[in-house]
Amino acid sequence: MKNTEKRGHKVLKVIAIVFSVIVILIVLLIVKIFYDAKLRQKDQEMMVKSDDELIGEHLYINRDGADDVDVNLYRYESDEPVPLVINLHGGAFVAGDADTLDTQSERISKAWCCTVVTVNYKLMKDGITKQYAVDEVKDTVKYMTVNADEYNIDTDNIFILGYSAGGYHAMAAALQLHKEGVIVKGQILCYPFISDILEQYNGLTDEQKKTTPPALFILAGDEPIGKGSLDYKSALDENGVPTELITYDGALHGFIEENNLEYEDLHFHDSRSPEQEKMARQAENDILAWLGKIAIISS
């Protein structure tokens, strides 16, 4: 009987120890969640540059009945009109800032011989929807088209480039502009978040489906967010829209944006490394090659 009681006490002690360990782990997890949240908030604040720090030219695009669109402009000086690339940051719709693309936008403007505009679209907070941000991108394209002479833009060569959540905005804006008769030459989709894009595409007329802007898909290995966009690629392929897919094995989600100077001091940049940076620069070169092919196709 005494042995049974001893065993019972031992079992109770083990249970108590296990329970205590679980409680401690839960507390540590909660502390980490709160700590990480504070770090992410700090990162978000650090992403923003003052106008003195910004390489690009800070502009506000006025809109009737809506807030101005906050954009950064990177002009490419030329005697002839040049292509325009709309460059859209990622951040899961709730984070990120156009200023994180500052050094990259200056670099690709020079390398691609184009003017670049980054859109600091509103994040999904305080009732802001994805569509609100898409409208900001659309209105930016329309503004640059109407004011093409002022900005020396070749309106036959306007491209929308986006990463992750920005990839969604690029797809949605390209489709909705196409539906409204505004010409966009191509969509460059880097590991994009697909969301309701297929539904939007299927809502087009048969003619609109066939004449949707060509698309380049840049995927980071086998990660699930970008891989989900392949259904959109298949739909475009089925309707004869030119598409191209480039997959960078070993690349991580976010590798193109995060391997720029703006992420150097941030706490969260999982894809930042010399190896990932090498693939990011290769991706930019591959995008340039695709832009050249699209220009040839259209001539």
C-alpha atoms as a PDB file:
ATOM      1  CA  MET A   1       0.000   0.000   0.000  1.00  0.00           C
ATOM      2  CA  LYS A   2       2.853   2.350   0.900  1.00  0.00           C
ATOM      3  CA  ASN A   3       4.547   1.600  -2.436  1.00  0.00           C
ATOM      4  CA  THR A   4       1.344   2.501  -4.255  1.00  0.00           C
ATOM      5  CA  GLU A   5       1.127   5.793  -2.389  1.00  0.00           C
ATOM      6  CA  LYS A   6       4.759   6.566  -3.198  1.00  0.00           C
ATOM      7  CA  ARG A   7       4.157   5.888  -6.882  1.00  0.00           C
ATOM      8  CA  GLY A   8       1.075   8.116  -6.760  1.00  0.00           C
ATOM      9  CA  HIS A   9       3.086  10.943  -5.202  1.00  0.00           C
ATOM     10  CA  LYS A  10       5.762  10.560  -7.876  1.00  0.00           C
ATOM     11  CA  VAL A  11       3.151  10.712 -10.638  1.00  0.00           C
ATOM     12  CA  LEU A  12       1.653  13.853  -9.092  1.00  0.00           C
ATOM     13  CA  LYS A  13       5.100  15.451  -8.875  1.00  0.00           C
ATOM     14  CA  VAL A  14       5.805  14.623 -12.527  1.00  0.00           C
ATOM     15  CA  ILE A  15       2.434  16.057 -13.560  1.00  0.00           C
ATOM     16  CA  ALA A  16       3.098  19.193 -11.504  1.00  0.00           C
ATOM     17  CA  ILE A  17       6.538  19.616 -13.102  1.00  0.00           C
ATOM     18  CA  VAL A  18       5.173  19.083 -16.617  1.00  0.00           C
ATOM     19  CA  PHE A  19       2.334  21.519 -15.950  1.00  0.00           C
ATOM     20  CA  SER A  20       4.793  24.104 -14.614  1.00  0.00           C
ATOM     21  CA  VAL A  21       7.002  23.711 -17.698  1.00  0.00           C
ATOM     22  CA  ILE A  22       3.983  24.145 -19.985  1.00  0.00           C
ATOM     23  CA  VAL A  23       2.894  27.280 -18.131  1.00  0.00           C
ATOM     24  CA  ILE A  24       6.407  28.714 -18.343  1.00  0.00           C
ATOM     25  CA  LEU A  25       6.577  27.964 -22.080  1.00  0.00           C
ATOM     26  CA  ILE A  26       3.198  29.596 -22.656  1.00  0.00           C
ATOM     27  CA  VAL A  27       4.276  32.691 -20.719  1.00  0.00           C
ATOM     28  CA  LEU A  28       7.533  32.870 -22.665  1.00  0.00           C
ATOM     29  CA  LEU A  29       5.620  32.515 -25.933  1.00  0.00           C
ATOM     30  CA  ILE A  30       3.243  35.333 -24.985  1.00  0.00           C
ATOM     31  CA  VAL A  31       6.177  37.539 -23.981  1.00  0.00           C
ATOM     32  CA  LYS A  32       7.890  36.786 -27.295  1.00  0.00           C
ATOM     33  CA  ILE A  33       4.735  37.594 -29.264  1.00  0.00           C
ATOM     34  CA  PHE A  34       4.396  40.964 -27.543  1.00  0.00           C
ATOM     35  CA  TYR A  35       8.129  41.655 -27.900  1.00  0.00           C
ATOM     36  CA  ASP A  36       8.086  40.763 -31.599  1.00  0.00           C
ATOM     37  CA  ALA A  37       5.032  42.961 -32.109  1.00  0.00           C
ATOM     38  CA  LYS A  38       6.896  45.911 -30.620  1.00  0.00           C
ATOM     39  CA  LEU A  39       9.922  45.191 -32.805  1.00  0.00           C
ATOM     40  CA  ARG A  40       7.721  45.005 -35.906  1.00  0.00           C
ATOM     41  CA  GLN A  41       6.144  48.329 -34.990  1.00  0.00           C
ATOM     42  CA  LYS A  42       9.624  49.794 -34.560  1.00  0.00           C
ATOM     43  CA  ASP A  43      10.661  48.338 -37.931  1.00  0.00           C
ATOM     44  CA  GLN A  44       7.621  49.928 -39.550  1.00  0.00           C
ATOM     45  CA  GLU A  45       8.628  53.312 -38.156  1.00  0.00           C
ATOM     46  CA  MET A  46      12.238  52.829 -39.286  1.00  0.00           C
ATOM     47  CA  MET A  47      11.102  52.123 -42.859  1.00  0.00           C
ATOM     48  CA  VAL A  48       9.993  55.709 -43.368  1.00  0.00           C
ATOM     49  CA  LYS A  49      12.570  58.198 -44.631  1.00  0.00           C
ATOM     50  CA  SER A  50      12.460  61.953 -44.345  1.00  0.00           C
ATOM     51  CA  ASP A  51      12.390  63.886 -47.616  1.00  0.00           C
ATOM     52  CA  ASP A  52      16.033  64.815 -46.984  1.00  0.00           C
ATOM     53  CA  GLU A  53      16.978  61.133 -46.653  1.00  0.00           C
ATOM     54  CA  LEU A  54      14.920  60.004 -49.640  1.00  0.00           C
ATOM     55  CA  ILE A  55      16.739  59.520 -52.939  1.00  0.00           C
ATOM     56  CA  GLY A  56      13.530  59.803 -54.933  1.00  0.00           C
ATOM     57  CA  GLU A  57      11.298  62.825 -55.358  1.00  0.00           C
ATOM     58  CA  HIS A  58       8.364  62.783 -52.922  1.00  0.00           C
ATOM     59  CA  LEU A  59       5.033  63.656 -54.565  1.00  0.00           C
ATOM     60  CA  TYR A  60       1.352  63.688 -53.663  1.00  0.00           C
ATOM     61  CA  ILE A  61      -1.145  62.898 -56.403  1.00  0.00           C
ATOM     62  CA  ASN A  62      -4.356  64.820 -55.889  1.00  0.00           C
ATOM     63  CA  ARG A  63      -7.673  62.965 -56.281  1.00  0.00           C
ATOM     64  CA  ASP A  64     -11.242  64.223 -56.207  1.00  0.00           C
ATOM     65  CA  GLY A  65     -13.182  62.784 -53.266  1.00  0.00           C
ATOM     66  CA  ALA A  66     -10.279  60.767 -51.892  1.00  0.00           C
ATOM     67  CA  ASP A  67      -6.991  61.255 -50.076  1.00  0.00           C
ATOM     68  CA  ASP A  68      -3.939  62.173 -52.113  1.00  0.00           C
ATOM     69  CA  VAL A  69      -1.750  59.261 -53.213  1.00  0.00           C
ATOM     70  CA  ASP A  70       1.699  59.323 -51.601  1.00  0.00           C
ATOM     71  CA  VAL A  71       4.365  58.377 -54.178  1.00  0.00           C
ATOM     72  CA  ASN A  72       8.111  58.555 -54.758  1.00  0.00           C
ATOM     73  CA  LEU A  73       9.384  59.417 -58.231  1.00  0.00           C
ATOM     74  CA  TYR A  74      12.690  58.366 -59.820  1.00  0.00           C
ATOM     75  CA  ARG A  75      13.147  60.153 -63.112  1.00  0.00           C
ATOM     76  CA  TYR A  76      15.268  58.802 -65.937  1.00  0.00           C
ATOM     77  CA  GLU A  77      16.596  61.716 -67.942  1.00  0.00           C
ATOM     78  CA  SER A  78      16.318  61.220 -71.691  1.00  0.00           C
ATOM     79  CA  ASP A  79      15.600  63.226 -74.834  1.00  0.00           C
ATOM     80  CA  GLU A  80      12.939  60.661 -75.747  1.00  0.00           C
ATOM     81  CA  PRO A  81       9.958  59.449 -73.681  1.00  0.00           C
ATOM     82  CA  VAL A  82      10.910  56.494 -71.479  1.00  0.00           C
ATOM     83  CA  PRO A  83       9.008  53.508 -70.042  1.00  0.00           C
ATOM     84  CA  LEU A  84       7.351  53.788 -66.652  1.00  0.00           C
ATOM     85  CA  VAL A  85       7.565  51.101 -63.963  1.00  0.00           C
ATOM     86  CA  ILE A  86       5.171  51.267 -61.016  1.00  0.00           C
ATOM     87  CA  ASN A  87       7.049  49.556 -58.149  1.00  0.00           C
ATOM     88  CA  LEU A  88       4.909  48.171 -55.273  1.00  0.00           C
ATOM     89  CA  HIS A  89       6.263  47.012 -51.902  1.00  0.00           C
ATOM     90  CA  GLY A  90       5.037  43.949 -50.025  1.00  0.00           C
ATOM     91  CA  GLY A  91       4.181  43.486 -46.361  1.00  0.00           C
ATOM     92  CA  ALA A  92       1.150  41.192 -46.064  1.00  0.00           C
ATOM     93  CA  PHE A  93      -1.177  44.164 -46.736  1.00  0.00           C
ATOM     94  CA  VAL A  94      -0.625  45.476 -43.173  1.00  0.00           C
ATOM     95  CA  ALA A  95       3.054  46.492 -43.216  1.00  0.00           C
ATOM     96  CA  GLY A  96       5.790  47.853 -45.444  1.00  0.00           C
ATOM     97  CA  ASP A  97       6.491  51.262 -46.927  1.00  0.00           C
ATOM     98  CA  ALA A  98       7.418  52.616 -50.347  1.00  0.00           C
ATOM     99  CA  ASP A  99      10.588  54.120 -48.858  1.00  0.00           C
ATOM    100  CA  THR A 100      12.040  50.615 -48.450  1.00  0.00           C
ATOM    101  CA  LEU A 101      12.312  50.489 -52.262  1.00  0.00           C
ATOM    102  CA  ASP A 102      14.266  53.748 -52.431  1.00  0.00           C
ATOM    103  CA  THR A 103      17.752  52.502 -53.305  1.00  0.00           C
ATOM    104  CA  GLN A 104      16.382  49.702 -55.474  1.00  0.00           C
ATOM    105  CA  SER A 105      14.158  52.090 -57.452  1.00  0.00           C
ATOM    106  CA  GLU A 106      17.072  54.397 -58.158  1.00  0.00           C
ATOM    107  CA  ARG A 107      19.161  51.398 -59.257  1.00  0.00           C
ATOM    108  CA  ILE A 108      16.579  49.886 -61.610  1.00  0.00           C
ATOM    109  CA  SER A 109      15.670  53.296 -63.044  1.00  0.00           C
ATOM    110  CA  LYS A 110      19.268  53.670 -64.210  1.00  0.00           C
ATOM    111  CA  ALA A 111      19.750  50.025 -65.237  1.00  0.00           C
ATOM    112  CA  TRP A 112      16.419  49.686 -67.031  1.00  0.00           C
ATOM    113  CA  CYS A 113      16.433  53.196 -68.555  1.00  0.00           C
ATOM    114  CA  CYS A 114      12.976  53.917 -67.202  1.00  0.00           C
ATOM    115  CA  THR A 115      11.202  56.218 -64.784  1.00  0.00           C
ATOM    116  CA  VAL A 116      10.085  54.462 -61.601  1.00  0.00           C
ATOM    117  CA  VAL A 117       7.227  55.391 -59.284  1.00  0.00           C
ATOM    118  CA  THR A 118       6.746  53.695 -55.924  1.00  0.00           C
ATOM    119  CA  VAL A 119       3.280  53.940 -54.377  1.00  0.00           C
ATOM    120  CA  ASN A 120       2.970  54.228 -50.617  1.00  0.00           C
ATOM    121  CA  TYR A 121      -0.494  52.695 -50.719  1.00  0.00           C
ATOM    122  CA  LYS A 122      -2.570  52.704 -47.546  1.00  0.00           C
ATOM    123  CA  LEU A 123      -2.300  49.577 -45.423  1.00  0.00           C
ATOM    124  CA  MET A 124      -5.262  47.466 -44.315  1.00  0.00           C
ATOM    125  CA  LYS A 125      -5.888  49.263 -41.027  1.00  0.00           C
ATOM    126  CA  ASP A 126      -8.757  51.341 -39.643  1.00  0.00           C
ATOM    127  CA  GLY A 127     -11.233  50.124 -42.251  1.00  0.00           C
ATOM    128  CA  ILE A 128      -8.909  50.447 -45.273  1.00  0.00           C
ATOM    129  CA  THR A 129      -9.521  47.630 -47.776  1.00  0.00           C
ATOM    130  CA  LYS A 130      -7.330  45.991 -50.404  1.00  0.00           C
ATOM    131  CA  GLN A 131      -9.439  47.697 -53.064  1.00  0.00           C
ATOM    132  CA  TYR A 132      -8.630  51.125 -51.640  1.00  0.00           C
ATOM    133  CA  ALA A 133      -4.936  50.419 -52.183  1.00  0.00           C
ATOM    134  CA  VAL A 134      -5.616  49.062 -55.682  1.00  0.00           C
ATOM    135  CA  ASP A 135      -7.463  52.299 -56.492  1.00  0.00           C
ATOM    136  CA  GLU A 136      -4.402  54.261 -55.369  1.00  0.00           C
ATOM    137  CA  VAL A 137      -2.254  52.277 -57.798  1.00  0.00           C
ATOM    138  CA  LYS A 138      -4.795  52.709 -60.598  1.00  0.00           C
ATOM    139  CA  ASP A 139      -5.044  56.445 -60.001  1.00  0.00           C
ATOM    140  CA  THR A 140      -1.252  56.728 -60.031  1.00  0.00           C
ATOM    141  CA  VAL A 141      -1.118  55.045 -63.447  1.00  0.00           C
ATOM    142  CA  LYS A 142      -3.890  57.301 -64.741  1.00  0.00           C
ATOM    143  CA  TYR A 143      -2.171  60.411 -63.397  1.00  0.00           C
ATOM    144  CA  MET A 144       1.152  59.501 -64.983  1.00  0.00           C
ATOM    145  CA  THR A 145      -0.626  58.729 -68.264  1.00  0.00           C
ATOM    146  CA  VAL A 146      -2.466  62.052 -68.344  1.00  0.00           C
ATOM    147  CA  ASN A 147       0.721  63.913 -67.374  1.00  0.00           C
ATOM    148  CA  ALA A 148       3.044  61.878 -69.558  1.00  0.00           C
ATOM    149  CA  ASP A 149       4.551  64.942 -71.257  1.00  0.00           C
ATOM    150  CA  GLU A 150       5.501  66.504 -67.915  1.00  0.00           C
ATOM    151  CA  TYR A 151       7.238  63.328 -66.752  1.00  0.00           C
ATOM    152  CA  ASN A 152       8.570  62.280 -70.185  1.00  0.00           C
ATOM    153  CA  ILE A 153       6.675  58.958 -70.071  1.00  0.00           C
ATOM    154  CA  ASP A 154       6.168  56.600 -73.014  1.00  0.00           C
ATOM    155  CA  THR A 155       2.523  55.676 -72.425  1.00  0.00           C
ATOM    156  CA  ASP A 156       2.884  52.616 -74.667  1.00  0.00           C
ATOM    157  CA  ASN A 157       5.320  51.132 -72.175  1.00  0.00           C
ATOM    158  CA  ILE A 158       3.841  51.252 -68.667  1.00  0.00           C
ATOM    159  CA  PHE A 159       4.556  48.260 -66.429  1.00  0.00           C
ATOM    160  CA  ILE A 160       3.354  47.381 -62.934  1.00  0.00           C
ATOM    161  CA  LEU A 161       5.799  45.517 -60.696  1.00  0.00           C
ATOM    162  CA  GLY A 162       4.841  44.154 -57.282  1.00  0.00           C
ATOM    163  CA  TYR A 163       6.133  41.898 -54.524  1.00  0.00           C
ATOM    164  CA  SER A 164       3.893  39.619 -52.411  1.00  0.00           C
ATOM    165  CA  ALA A 165       0.963  41.845 -51.324  1.00  0.00           C
ATOM    166  CA  GLY A 166       2.265  44.397 -53.822  1.00  0.00           C
ATOM    167  CA  GLY A 167       2.031  41.634 -56.415  1.00  0.00           C
ATOM    168  CA  TYR A 168      -1.668  41.350 -55.657  1.00  0.00           C
ATOM    169  CA  HIS A 169      -2.068  45.098 -56.124  1.00  0.00           C
ATOM    170  CA  ALA A 170      -0.137  44.874 -59.402  1.00  0.00           C
ATOM    171  CA  MET A 171      -2.397  42.112 -60.748  1.00  0.00           C
ATOM    172  CA  ALA A 172      -5.632  43.728 -59.587  1.00  0.00           C
ATOM    173  CA  ALA A 173      -4.674  47.189 -60.867  1.00  0.00           C
ATOM    174  CA  ALA A 174      -3.572  45.800 -64.244  1.00  0.00           C
ATOM    175  CA  LEU A 175      -6.846  43.893 -64.665  1.00  0.00           C
ATOM    176  CA  GLN A 176      -9.062  46.757 -63.576  1.00  0.00           C
ATOM    177  CA  LEU A 177      -7.203  49.301 -65.716  1.00  0.00           C
ATOM    178  CA  HIS A 178      -7.504  46.910 -68.654  1.00  0.00           C
ATOM    179  CA  LYS A 179     -11.244  46.657 -68.041  1.00  0.00           C
ATOM    180  CA  GLU A 180     -11.428  50.472 -68.048  1.00  0.00           C
ATOM    181  CA  GLY A 181      -9.468  50.727 -71.307  1.00  0.00           C
ATOM    182  CA  VAL A 182      -6.255  52.099 -69.791  1.00  0.00           C
ATOM    183  CA  ILE A 183      -3.220  50.541 -71.454  1.00  0.00           C
ATOM    184  CA  VAL A 184      -0.675  48.712 -69.310  1.00  0.00           C
ATOM    185  CA  LYS A 185       2.070  46.929 -71.236  1.00  0.00           C
ATOM    186  CA  GLY A 186       2.924  44.238 -68.678  1.00  0.00           C
ATOM    187  CA  GLN A 187       2.655  42.966 -65.115  1.00  0.00           C
ATOM    188  CA  ILE A 188       5.720  41.753 -63.214  1.00  0.00           C
ATOM    189  CA  LEU A 189       4.617  39.553 -60.335  1.00  0.00           C
ATOM    190  CA  CYS A 190       7.183  38.606 -57.719  1.00  0.00           C
ATOM    191  CA  TYR A 191       5.937  35.820 -55.427  1.00  0.00           C
ATOM    192  CA  PRO A 192       2.501  37.497 -55.503  1.00  0.00           C
ATOM    193  CA  PHE A 193      -0.382  36.898 -53.118  1.00  0.00           C
ATOM    194  CA  ILE A 194      -3.226  35.802 -55.406  1.00  0.00           C
ATOM    195  CA  SER A 195      -6.360  36.291 -53.222  1.00  0.00           C
ATOM    196  CA  ASP A 196      -9.383  36.930 -55.515  1.00  0.00           C
ATOM    197  CA  ILE A 197      -7.464  37.593 -58.744  1.00  0.00           C
ATOM    198  CA  LEU A 198      -8.879  34.580 -60.572  1.00  0.00           C
ATOM    199  CA  GLU A 199     -12.404  35.746 -59.804  1.00  0.00           C
ATOM    200  CA  GLN A 200     -11.544  39.201 -61.153  1.00  0.00           C
ATOM    201  CA  TYR A 201     -10.014  37.720 -64.279  1.00  0.00           C
ATOM    202  CA  ASN A 202     -12.972  35.427 -64.886  1.00  0.00           C
ATOM    203  CA  GLY A 203     -15.242  38.474 -64.660  1.00  0.00           C
ATOM    204  CA  LEU A 204     -13.691  39.964 -67.817  1.00  0.00           C
ATOM    205  CA  THR A 205     -15.176  39.518 -71.266  1.00  0.00           C
ATOM    206  CA  ASP A 206     -13.627  36.866 -73.519  1.00  0.00           C
ATOM    207  CA  GLU A 207     -11.890  39.585 -75.530  1.00  0.00           C
ATOM    208  CA  GLN A 208     -10.552  41.254 -72.393  1.00  0.00           C
ATOM    209  CA  LYS A 209      -9.220  37.915 -71.136  1.00  0.00           C
ATOM    210  CA  LYS A 210      -7.312  37.390 -74.375  1.00  0.00           C
ATOM    211  CA  THR A 211      -5.830  40.898 -74.370  1.00  0.00           C
ATOM    212  CA  THR A 212      -4.824  41.085 -70.700  1.00  0.00           C
ATOM    213  CA  PRO A 213      -1.287  42.492 -70.305  1.00  0.00           C
ATOM    214  CA  PRO A 214       1.529  39.903 -70.527  1.00  0.00           C
ATOM    215  CA  ALA A 215       2.849  38.676 -67.190  1.00  0.00           C
ATOM    216  CA  LEU A 216       6.212  37.658 -65.768  1.00  0.00           C
ATOM    217  CA  PHE A 217       6.043  35.467 -62.662  1.00  0.00           C
ATOM    218  CA  ILE A 218       9.054  35.500 -60.339  1.00  0.00           C
ATOM    219  CA  LEU A 219       8.878  32.766 -57.688  1.00  0.00           C
ATOM    220  CA  ALA A 220      11.054  32.178 -54.641  1.00  0.00           C
ATOM    221  CA  GLY A 221      11.610  28.430 -54.750  1.00  0.00           C
ATOM    222  CA  ASP A 222       8.631  26.362 -53.691  1.00  0.00           C
ATOM    223  CA  GLU A 223       7.188  28.744 -51.066  1.00  0.00           C
ATOM    224  CA  PRO A 224       3.367  28.579 -50.971  1.00  0.00           C
ATOM    225  CA  ILE A 225       2.384  32.257 -51.374  1.00  0.00           C
ATOM    226  CA  GLY A 226       3.985  32.746 -54.763  1.00  0.00           C
ATOM    227  CA  LYS A 227       3.202  29.218 -55.887  1.00  0.00           C
ATOM    228  CA  GLY A 228      -0.503  30.000 -55.470  1.00  0.00           C
ATOM    229  CA  SER A 229      -0.272  32.504 -58.344  1.00  0.00           C
ATOM    230  CA  LEU A 230       0.372  29.703 -60.845  1.00  0.00           C
ATOM    231  CA  ASP A 231      -3.384  29.229 -61.219  1.00  0.00           C
ATOM    232  CA  TYR A 232      -3.549  32.779 -62.585  1.00  0.00           C
ATOM    233  CA  LYS A 233      -0.668  32.002 -64.948  1.00  0.00           C
ATOM    234  CA  SER A 234      -2.543  28.938 -66.204  1.00  0.00           C
ATOM    235  CA  ALA A 235      -5.659  31.022 -66.837  1.00  0.00           C
ATOM    236  CA  LEU A 236      -3.632  33.557 -68.817  1.00  0.00           C
ATOM    237  CA  ASP A 237      -1.938  30.749 -70.780  1.00  0.00           C
ATOM    238  CA  GLU A 238      -5.302  29.211 -71.667  1.00  0.00           C
ATOM    239  CA  ASN A 239      -6.386  32.520 -73.201  1.00  0.00           C
ATOM    240  CA  GLY A 240      -3.198  33.020 -75.185  1.00  0.00           C
ATOM    241  CA  VAL A 241      -1.743  35.799 -73.009  1.00  0.00           C
ATOM    242  CA  PRO A 242       2.084  35.744 -73.113  1.00  0.00           C
ATOM    243  CA  THR A 243       3.517  34.657 -69.764  1.00  0.00           C
ATOM    244  CA  GLU A 244       6.903  33.647 -68.453  1.00  0.00           C
ATOM    245  CA  LEU A 245       7.872  31.906 -65.226  1.00  0.00           C
ATOM    246  CA  ILE A 246      11.265  32.152 -63.524  1.00  0.00           C
ATOM    247  CA  THR A 247      11.835  30.236 -60.299  1.00  0.00           C
ATOM    248  CA  TYR A 248      14.867  30.889 -58.086  1.00  0.00           C
ATOM    249  CA  ASP A 249      15.574  27.685 -56.208  1.00  0.00           C
ATOM    250  CA  GLY A 250      16.719  28.394 -52.674  1.00  0.00           C
ATOM    251  CA  ALA A 251      15.358  31.937 -52.702  1.00  0.00           C
ATOM    252  CA  LEU A 252      13.125  32.996 -49.815  1.00  0.00           C
ATOM    253  CA  HIS A 253       9.921  34.994 -49.895  1.00  0.00           C
ATOM    254  CA  GLY A 254      10.814  38.684 -49.960  1.00  0.00           C
ATOM    255  CA  PHE A 255      14.344  38.174 -51.290  1.00  0.00           C
ATOM    256  CA  ILE A 256      14.187  40.979 -53.859  1.00  0.00           C
ATOM    257  CA  GLU A 257      13.030  43.773 -51.528  1.00  0.00           C
ATOM    258  CA  GLU A 258      14.853  42.720 -48.367  1.00  0.00           C
ATOM    259  CA  ASN A 259      18.301  42.628 -49.924  1.00  0.00           C
ATOM    260  CA  ASN A 260      18.544  46.397 -50.158  1.00  0.00           C
ATOM    261  CA  LEU A 261      20.110  48.926 -47.787  1.00  0.00           C
ATOM    262  CA  GLU A 262      16.785  49.902 -46.204  1.00  0.00           C
ATOM    263  CA  TYR A 263      16.479  46.495 -44.514  1.00  0.00           C
ATOM    264  CA  GLU A 264      20.003  46.475 -43.103  1.00  0.00           C
ATOM    265  CA  ASP A 265      19.041  47.741 -39.623  1.00  0.00           C
ATOM    266  CA  LEU A 266      15.582  46.187 -39.362  1.00  0.00           C
ATOM    267  CA  HIS A 267      14.896  43.342 -36.945  1.00  0.00           C
ATOM    268  CA  PHE A 268      12.935  41.180 -39.399  1.00  0.00           C
ATOM    269  CA  HIS A 269      14.548  40.385 -42.759  1.00  0.00           C
ATOM    270  CA  ASP A 270      14.511  36.597 -43.042  1.00  0.00           C
ATOM    271  CA  SER A 271      15.694  36.522 -46.641  1.00  0.00           C
ATOM    272  CA  ARG A 272      18.621  38.911 -46.254  1.00  0.00           C
ATOM    273  CA  SER A 273      21.993  37.288 -46.974  1.00  0.00           C
ATOM    274  CA  PRO A 274      24.784  37.492 -49.577  1.00  0.00           C
ATOM    275  CA  GLU A 275      23.365  34.438 -51.374  1.00  0.00           C
ATOM    276  CA  GLN A 276      19.838  35.859 -51.439  1.00  0.00           C
ATOM    277  CA  GLU A 277      21.166  39.247 -52.582  1.00  0.00           C
ATOM    278  CA  LYS A 278      22.930  37.607 -55.511  1.00  0.00           C
ATOM    279  CA  MET A 279      19.638  36.015 -56.594  1.00  0.00           C
ATOM    280  CA  ALA A 280      17.829  39.329 -56.114  1.00  0.00           C
ATOM    281  CA  ARG A 281      20.192  41.119 -58.481  1.00  0.00           C
ATOM    282  CA  GLN A 282      19.844  38.257 -60.961  1.00  0.00           C
ATOM    283  CA  ALA A 283      16.076  38.609 -60.756  1.00  0.00           C
ATOM    284  CA  GLU A 284      16.353  42.308 -61.620  1.00  0.00           C
ATOM    285  CA  ASN A 285      18.502  41.416 -64.639  1.00  0.00           C
ATOM    286  CA  ASP A 286      15.986  38.780 -65.723  1.00  0.00           C
ATOM    287  CA  ILE A 287      13.135  41.277 -65.403  1.00  0.00           C
ATOM    288  CA  LEU A 288      15.070  43.687 -67.628  1.00  0.00           C
ATOM    289  CA  ALA A 289      15.512  40.931 -70.232  1.00  0.00           C
ATOM    290  CA  TRP A 290      11.764  40.234 -70.143  1.00  0.00           C
ATOM    291  CA  LEU A 291      10.963  43.941 -70.541  1.00  0.00           C
ATOM    292  CA  GLY A 292      13.093  43.922 -73.685  1.00  0.00           C
ATOM    293  CA  LYS A 293      11.199  40.940 -75.086  1.00  0.00           C
ATOM    294  CA  ILE A 294       7.833  42.538 -74.393  1.00  0.00           C
ATOM    295  CA  ALA A 295       8.942  45.690 -76.232  1.00  0.00           C
ATOM    296  CA  ILE A 296       9.953  43.549 -79.216  1.00  0.00           C
ATOM    297  CA  ILE A 297       6.635  41.663 -79.169  1.00  0.00           C
ATOM    298  CA  SER A 298       4.699  44.926 -79.248  1.00  0.00           C
ATOM    299  CA  SER A 299       6.665  46.588 -82.029  1.00  0.00           C
END
